[in-house]
PDB file of all heavy atoms in Angstrom:
ATOM      1  N   ASP A   1      -1.851   9.343  -0.398  1.00  0.00           N
ATOM      2  CA  ASP A   1      -2.982   8.610   0.177  1.00  0.00           C
ATOM      3  C   ASP A   1      -3.325   9.257   1.514  1.00  0.00           C
ATOM      4  O   ASP A   1      -3.198   8.646   2.572  1.00  0.00           O
ATOM      5  CB  ASP A   1      -2.610   7.136   0.355  1.00  0.00           C
ATOM      6  CG  ASP A   1      -3.737   6.289   0.934  1.00  0.00           C
ATOM      7  OD1 ASP A   1      -4.893   6.788   0.953  1.00  0.00           O
ATOM      8  OD2 ASP A   1      -3.475   5.157   1.381  1.00  0.00           O
ATOM      9  N   PRO A   2      -3.766  10.521   1.481  1.00  0.00           N
ATOM     10  CA  PRO A   2      -4.010  11.242   2.754  1.00  0.00           C
ATOM     11  C   PRO A   2      -5.110  10.621   3.596  1.00  0.00           C
ATOM     12  O   PRO A   2      -5.104  10.779   4.823  1.00  0.00           O
ATOM     13  CB  PRO A   2      -4.393  12.646   2.282  1.00  0.00           C
ATOM     14  CG  PRO A   2      -4.894  12.466   0.879  1.00  0.00           C
ATOM     15  CD  PRO A   2      -4.074  11.357   0.310  1.00  0.00           C
ATOM     16  N   ASP A   3      -6.027   9.886   2.966  1.00  0.00           N
ATOM     17  CA  ASP A   3      -7.111   9.249   3.732  1.00  0.00           C
ATOM     18  C   ASP A   3      -6.782   7.822   4.126  1.00  0.00           C
ATOM     19  O   ASP A   3      -7.607   7.126   4.732  1.00  0.00           O
ATOM     20  CB  ASP A   3      -8.397   9.258   2.900  1.00  0.00           C
ATOM     21  CG  ASP A   3      -8.874  10.677   2.621  1.00  0.00           C
ATOM     22  OD1 ASP A   3      -8.875  11.486   3.529  1.00  0.00           O
ATOM     23  OD2 ASP A   3      -9.235  10.940   1.447  1.00  0.00           O
ATOM     24  N   LEU A   4      -5.580   7.364   3.790  1.00  0.00           N
ATOM     25  CA  LEU A   4      -5.073   6.028   4.160  1.00  0.00           C
ATOM     26  C   LEU A   4      -6.024   4.914   3.714  1.00  0.00           C
ATOM     27  O   LEU A   4      -6.264   3.954   4.445  1.00  0.00           O
ATOM     28  CB  LEU A   4      -4.825   5.950   5.666  1.00  0.00           C
ATOM     29  CG  LEU A   4      -3.802   6.969   6.225  1.00  0.00           C
ATOM     30  CD1 LEU A   4      -3.657   6.784   7.729  1.00  0.00           C
ATOM     31  CD2 LEU A   4      -2.466   6.837   5.522  1.00  0.00           C
ATOM     32  N   VAL A   5      -6.536   5.058   2.499  1.00  0.00           N
ATOM     33  CA  VAL A   5      -7.453   4.033   1.998  1.00  0.00           C
ATOM     34  C   VAL A   5      -6.730   2.726   1.688  1.00  0.00           C
ATOM     35  O   VAL A   5      -7.370   1.664   1.572  1.00  0.00           O
ATOM     36  CB  VAL A   5      -8.223   4.524   0.747  1.00  0.00           C
ATOM     37  CG1 VAL A   5      -9.015   5.764   1.053  1.00  0.00           C
ATOM     38  CG2 VAL A   5      -7.293   4.757  -0.433  1.00  0.00           C
ATOM     39  N   SER A   6      -5.399   2.771   1.568  1.00  0.00           N
ATOM     40  CA  SER A   6      -4.626   1.535   1.299  1.00  0.00           C
ATOM     41  C   SER A   6      -4.392   0.711   2.555  1.00  0.00           C
ATOM     42  O   SER A   6      -3.865  -0.407   2.471  1.00  0.00           O
ATOM     43  CB  SER A   6      -3.289   1.876   0.652  1.00  0.00           C
ATOM     44  OG  SER A   6      -2.474   2.664   1.509  1.00  0.00           O
ATOM     45  N   LEU A   7      -4.760   1.249   3.708  1.00  0.00           N
ATOM     46  CA  LEU A   7      -4.600   0.531   4.974  1.00  0.00           C
ATOM     47  C   LEU A   7      -5.946   0.057   5.491  1.00  0.00           C
ATOM     48  O   LEU A   7      -6.988   0.634   5.146  1.00  0.00           O
ATOM     49  CB  LEU A   7      -3.912   1.446   5.996  1.00  0.00           C
ATOM     50  CG  LEU A   7      -2.469   1.831   5.681  1.00  0.00           C
ATOM     51  CD1 LEU A   7      -1.969   2.860   6.687  1.00  0.00           C
ATOM     52  CD2 LEU A   7      -1.570   0.601   5.672  1.00  0.00           C
ATOM     53  N   PRO A   8      -6.004  -0.975   6.324  1.00  0.00           N
ATOM     54  CA  PRO A   8      -4.879  -1.775   6.822  1.00  0.00           C
ATOM     55  C   PRO A   8      -4.376  -2.729   5.749  1.00  0.00           C
ATOM     56  O   PRO A   8      -5.059  -2.969   4.747  1.00  0.00           O
ATOM     57  CB  PRO A   8      -5.507  -2.534   7.990  1.00  0.00           C
ATOM     58  CG  PRO A   8      -6.923  -2.705   7.588  1.00  0.00           C
ATOM     59  CD  PRO A   8      -7.305  -1.447   6.878  1.00  0.00           C
ATOM     60  N   PRO A   9      -3.215  -3.328   5.935  1.00  0.00           N
ATOM     61  CA  PRO A   9      -2.696  -4.292   4.973  1.00  0.00           C
ATOM     62  C   PRO A   9      -3.581  -5.518   4.893  1.00  0.00           C
ATOM     63  O   PRO A   9      -4.195  -5.919   5.871  1.00  0.00           O
ATOM     64  CB  PRO A   9      -1.309  -4.635   5.500  1.00  0.00           C
ATOM     65  CG  PRO A   9      -1.348  -4.282   6.953  1.00  0.00           C
ATOM     66  CD  PRO A   9      -2.296  -3.126   7.074  1.00  0.00           C
ATOM     67  N   VAL A  10      -3.643  -6.131   3.711  1.00  0.00           N
ATOM     68  CA  VAL A  10      -4.387  -7.377   3.551  1.00  0.00           C
ATOM     69  C   VAL A  10      -3.649  -8.537   4.225  1.00  0.00           C
ATOM     70  O   VAL A  10      -4.258  -9.413   4.826  1.00  0.00           O
ATOM     71  CB  VAL A  10      -4.611  -7.686   2.050  1.00  0.00           C
ATOM     72  CG1 VAL A  10      -5.292  -9.034   1.862  1.00  0.00           C
ATOM     73  CG2 VAL A  10      -5.442  -6.575   1.409  1.00  0.00           C
ATOM     74  N   HIS A  11      -2.304  -8.513   4.136  1.00  0.00           N
ATOM     75  CA  HIS A  11      -1.486  -9.562   4.716  1.00  0.00           C
ATOM     76  C   HIS A  11      -0.408  -8.939   5.611  1.00  0.00           C
ATOM     77  O   HIS A  11       0.127  -7.867   5.306  1.00  0.00           O
ATOM     78  CB  HIS A  11      -0.783 -10.393   3.632  1.00  0.00           C
ATOM     79  CG  HIS A  11      -1.705 -10.918   2.578  1.00  0.00           C
ATOM     80  ND1 HIS A  11      -2.612 -11.916   2.819  1.00  0.00           N
ATOM     81  CD2 HIS A  11      -1.837 -10.577   1.266  1.00  0.00           C
ATOM     82  CE1 HIS A  11      -3.278 -12.182   1.697  1.00  0.00           C
ATOM     83  NE2 HIS A  11      -2.834 -11.372   0.749  1.00  0.00           N
ATOM     84  N   SER A  12      -0.069  -9.620   6.673  1.00  0.00           N
ATOM     85  CA  SER A  12       1.033  -9.168   7.507  1.00  0.00           C
ATOM     86  C   SER A  12       2.334  -9.175   6.678  1.00  0.00           C
ATOM     87  O   SER A  12       2.627 -10.153   5.984  1.00  0.00           O
ATOM     88  CB  SER A  12       1.201 -10.115   8.705  1.00  0.00           C
ATOM     89  OG  SER A  12       2.327  -9.765   9.470  1.00  0.00           O
ATOM     90  N   GLY A  13       3.064  -8.094   6.725  1.00  0.00           N
ATOM     91  CA  GLY A  13       4.296  -7.979   5.963  1.00  0.00           C
ATOM     92  C   GLY A  13       4.160  -7.252   4.654  1.00  0.00           C
ATOM     93  O   GLY A  13       5.161  -7.068   3.945  1.00  0.00           O
ATOM     94  N   ASP A  14       2.948  -6.795   4.307  1.00  0.00           N
ATOM     95  CA  ASP A  14       2.772  -6.018   3.074  1.00  0.00           C
ATOM     96  C   ASP A  14       3.555  -4.715   3.175  1.00  0.00           C
ATOM     97  O   ASP A  14       3.605  -4.063   4.236  1.00  0.00           O
ATOM     98  CB  ASP A  14       1.285  -5.692   2.864  1.00  0.00           C
ATOM     99  CG  ASP A  14       0.488  -6.893   2.369  1.00  0.00           C
ATOM    100  OD1 ASP A  14       1.095  -7.953   2.114  1.00  0.00           O
ATOM    101  OD2 ASP A  14      -0.745  -6.756   2.234  1.00  0.00           O
ATOM    102  N   VAL A  15       4.149  -4.322   2.068  1.00  0.00           N
ATOM    103  CA  VAL A  15       4.960  -3.091   2.019  1.00  0.00           C
ATOM    104  C   VAL A  15       4.337  -2.087   1.043  1.00  0.00           C
ATOM    105  O   VAL A  15       3.494  -2.443   0.215  1.00  0.00           O
ATOM    106  CB  VAL A  15       6.413  -3.390   1.614  1.00  0.00           C
ATOM    107  CG1 VAL A  15       7.063  -4.343   2.617  1.00  0.00           C
ATOM    108  CG2 VAL A  15       6.497  -3.976   0.197  1.00  0.00           C
ATOM    109  N   GLY A  16       4.778  -0.838   1.158  1.00  0.00           N
ATOM    110  CA  GLY A  16       4.374   0.173   0.201  1.00  0.00           C
ATOM    111  C   GLY A  16       2.991   0.724   0.399  1.00  0.00           C
ATOM    112  O   GLY A  16       2.442   1.360  -0.495  1.00  0.00           O
ATOM    113  N   LEU A  17       2.385   0.506   1.589  1.00  0.00           N
ATOM    114  CA  LEU A  17       1.052   1.004   1.861  1.00  0.00           C
ATOM    115  C   LEU A  17       1.102   2.259   2.737  1.00  0.00           C
ATOM    116  O   LEU A  17       2.144   2.582   3.322  1.00  0.00           O
ATOM    117  CB  LEU A  17       0.232  -0.081   2.565  1.00  0.00           C
ATOM    118  CG  LEU A  17       0.105  -1.408   1.811  1.00  0.00           C
ATOM    119  CD1 LEU A  17      -0.674  -2.419   2.638  1.00  0.00           C
ATOM    120  CD2 LEU A  17      -0.550  -1.217   0.460  1.00  0.00           C
ATOM    121  N   GLY A  18      -0.003   2.970   2.828  1.00  0.00           N
ATOM    122  CA  GLY A  18      -0.032   4.195   3.611  1.00  0.00           C
ATOM    123  C   GLY A  18       0.225   5.393   2.717  1.00  0.00           C
ATOM    124  O   GLY A  18       0.076   5.346   1.500  1.00  0.00           O
ATOM    125  N   ASN A  19       0.613   6.501   3.351  1.00  0.00           N
ATOM    126  CA  ASN A  19       0.818   7.753   2.630  1.00  0.00           C
ATOM    127  C   ASN A  19       2.303   8.085   2.546  1.00  0.00           C
ATOM    128  O   ASN A  19       2.932   8.366   3.569  1.00  0.00           O
ATOM    129  CB  ASN A  19       0.090   8.889   3.336  1.00  0.00           C
ATOM    130  CG  ASN A  19       0.066  10.170   2.536  1.00  0.00           C
ATOM    131  OD1 ASN A  19       0.331  10.156   1.327  1.00  0.00           O
ATOM    132  ND2 ASN A  19      -0.238  11.266   3.198  1.00  0.00           N
ATOM    133  N   PRO A  20       2.934   7.970   1.333  1.00  0.00           N
ATOM    134  CA  PRO A  20       2.301   7.694   0.052  1.00  0.00           C
ATOM    135  C   PRO A  20       2.142   6.191  -0.205  1.00  0.00           C
ATOM    136  O   PRO A  20       2.851   5.379   0.383  1.00  0.00           O
ATOM    137  CB  PRO A  20       3.277   8.309  -0.958  1.00  0.00           C
ATOM    138  CG  PRO A  20       4.623   8.130  -0.302  1.00  0.00           C
ATOM    139  CD  PRO A  20       4.357   8.332   1.182  1.00  0.00           C
ATOM    140  N   TYR A  21       1.221   5.885  -1.107  1.00  0.00           N
ATOM    141  CA  TYR A  21       1.000   4.519  -1.557  1.00  0.00           C
ATOM    142  C   TYR A  21       1.920   4.239  -2.738  1.00  0.00           C
ATOM    143  O   TYR A  21       2.110   5.090  -3.607  1.00  0.00           O
ATOM    144  CB  TYR A  21      -0.452   4.352  -1.963  1.00  0.00           C
ATOM    145  CG  TYR A  21      -0.751   3.087  -2.737  1.00  0.00           C
ATOM    146  CD1 TYR A  21      -1.030   1.906  -2.096  1.00  0.00           C
ATOM    147  CD2 TYR A  21      -0.779   3.110  -4.127  1.00  0.00           C
ATOM    148  CE1 TYR A  21      -1.314   0.744  -2.807  1.00  0.00           C
ATOM    149  CE2 TYR A  21      -1.067   1.958  -4.844  1.00  0.00           C
ATOM    150  CZ  TYR A  21      -1.328   0.785  -4.180  1.00  0.00           C
ATOM    151  OH  TYR A  21      -1.600  -0.348  -4.902  1.00  0.00           O
ATOM    152  N   ARG A  22       2.488   3.031  -2.772  1.00  0.00           N
ATOM    153  CA  ARG A  22       3.405   2.664  -3.846  1.00  0.00           C
ATOM    154  C   ARG A  22       2.854   1.456  -4.611  1.00  0.00           C
ATOM    155  O   ARG A  22       2.441   0.471  -3.999  1.00  0.00           O
ATOM    156  CB  ARG A  22       4.779   2.325  -3.284  1.00  0.00           C
ATOM    157  CG  ARG A  22       5.778   1.842  -4.337  1.00  0.00           C
ATOM    158  CD  ARG A  22       7.105   1.419  -3.728  1.00  0.00           C
ATOM    159  NE  ARG A  22       7.848   2.544  -3.179  1.00  0.00           N
ATOM    160  CZ  ARG A  22       9.122   2.468  -2.784  1.00  0.00           C
ATOM    161  NH1 ARG A  22       9.772   1.328  -2.856  1.00  0.00           N
ATOM    162  NH2 ARG A  22       9.716   3.527  -2.295  1.00  0.00           N
ATOM    163  N   VAL A  23       2.840   1.548  -5.932  1.00  0.00           N
ATOM    164  CA  VAL A  23       2.544   0.388  -6.781  1.00  0.00           C
ATOM    165  C   VAL A  23       3.791  -0.494  -6.798  1.00  0.00           C
ATOM    166  O   VAL A  23       4.834  -0.109  -7.326  1.00  0.00           O
ATOM    167  CB  VAL A  23       2.161   0.818  -8.208  1.00  0.00           C
ATOM    168  CG1 VAL A  23       2.047  -0.404  -9.111  1.00  0.00           C
ATOM    169  CG2 VAL A  23       0.852   1.597  -8.199  1.00  0.00           C
ATOM    170  N   THR A  24       3.687  -1.674  -6.195  1.00  0.00           N
ATOM    171  CA  THR A  24       4.854  -2.522  -6.010  1.00  0.00           C
ATOM    172  C   THR A  24       4.926  -3.718  -6.939  1.00  0.00           C
ATOM    173  O   THR A  24       5.938  -4.421  -6.967  1.00  0.00           O
ATOM    174  CB  THR A  24       4.910  -3.048  -4.556  1.00  0.00           C
ATOM    175  OG1 THR A  24       3.689  -3.746  -4.275  1.00  0.00           O
ATOM    176  CG2 THR A  24       5.112  -1.919  -3.566  1.00  0.00           C
ATOM    177  N   CYS A  25       3.846  -3.991  -7.686  1.00  0.00           N
ATOM    178  CA  CYS A  25       3.922  -5.117  -8.614  1.00  0.00           C
ATOM    179  C   CYS A  25       4.926  -4.791  -9.727  1.00  0.00           C
ATOM    180  O   CYS A  25       5.157  -3.631 -10.055  1.00  0.00           O
ATOM    181  CB  CYS A  25       2.548  -5.403  -9.232  1.00  0.00           C
ATOM    182  SG  CYS A  25       1.879  -4.069 -10.236  1.00  0.00           S
ATOM    183  N   GLU A  26       5.528  -5.830 -10.267  1.00  0.00           N
ATOM    184  CA  GLU A  26       6.502  -5.604 -11.345  1.00  0.00           C
ATOM    185  C   GLU A  26       5.860  -4.936 -12.557  1.00  0.00           C
ATOM    186  O   GLU A  26       6.430  -4.039 -13.148  1.00  0.00           O
ATOM    187  CB  GLU A  26       7.129  -6.933 -11.768  1.00  0.00           C
ATOM    188  CG  GLU A  26       8.114  -6.803 -12.918  1.00  0.00           C
ATOM    189  CD  GLU A  26       8.653  -8.136 -13.362  1.00  0.00           C
ATOM    190  OE1 GLU A  26       8.193  -9.174 -12.871  1.00  0.00           O
ATOM    191  OE2 GLU A  26       9.539  -8.139 -14.235  1.00  0.00           O
ATOM    192  N   SER A  27       4.625  -5.385 -12.894  1.00  0.00           N
ATOM    193  CA  SER A  27       4.022  -4.963 -14.138  1.00  0.00           C
ATOM    194  C   SER A  27       2.684  -4.273 -13.906  1.00  0.00           C
ATOM    195  O   SER A  27       1.660  -4.923 -13.783  1.00  0.00           O
ATOM    196  CB  SER A  27       3.811  -6.176 -15.057  1.00  0.00           C
ATOM    197  OG  SER A  27       5.038  -6.843 -15.314  1.00  0.00           O
ATOM    198  N   ILE A  28       2.717  -2.931 -13.807  1.00  0.00           N
ATOM    199  CA  ILE A  28       1.480  -2.151 -13.785  1.00  0.00           C
ATOM    200  C   ILE A  28       1.075  -1.983 -15.249  1.00  0.00           C
ATOM    201  O   ILE A  28       1.710  -1.248 -15.987  1.00  0.00           O
ATOM    202  CB  ILE A  28       1.660  -0.815 -13.034  1.00  0.00           C
ATOM    203  CG1 ILE A  28       0.389   0.025 -13.114  1.00  0.00           C
ATOM    204  CG2 ILE A  28       2.889  -0.051 -13.462  1.00  0.00           C
ATOM    205  CD1 ILE A  28      -0.737  -0.488 -12.275  1.00  0.00           C
TER     206      ILE A  28
END
């Protein structure tokens, strides 16, 4: 995620955002 489109977080405490971006849900 070189352009950091996953930031800023929607909620305080969100994890797995930024470069690299991580899919954190159990079921993709």
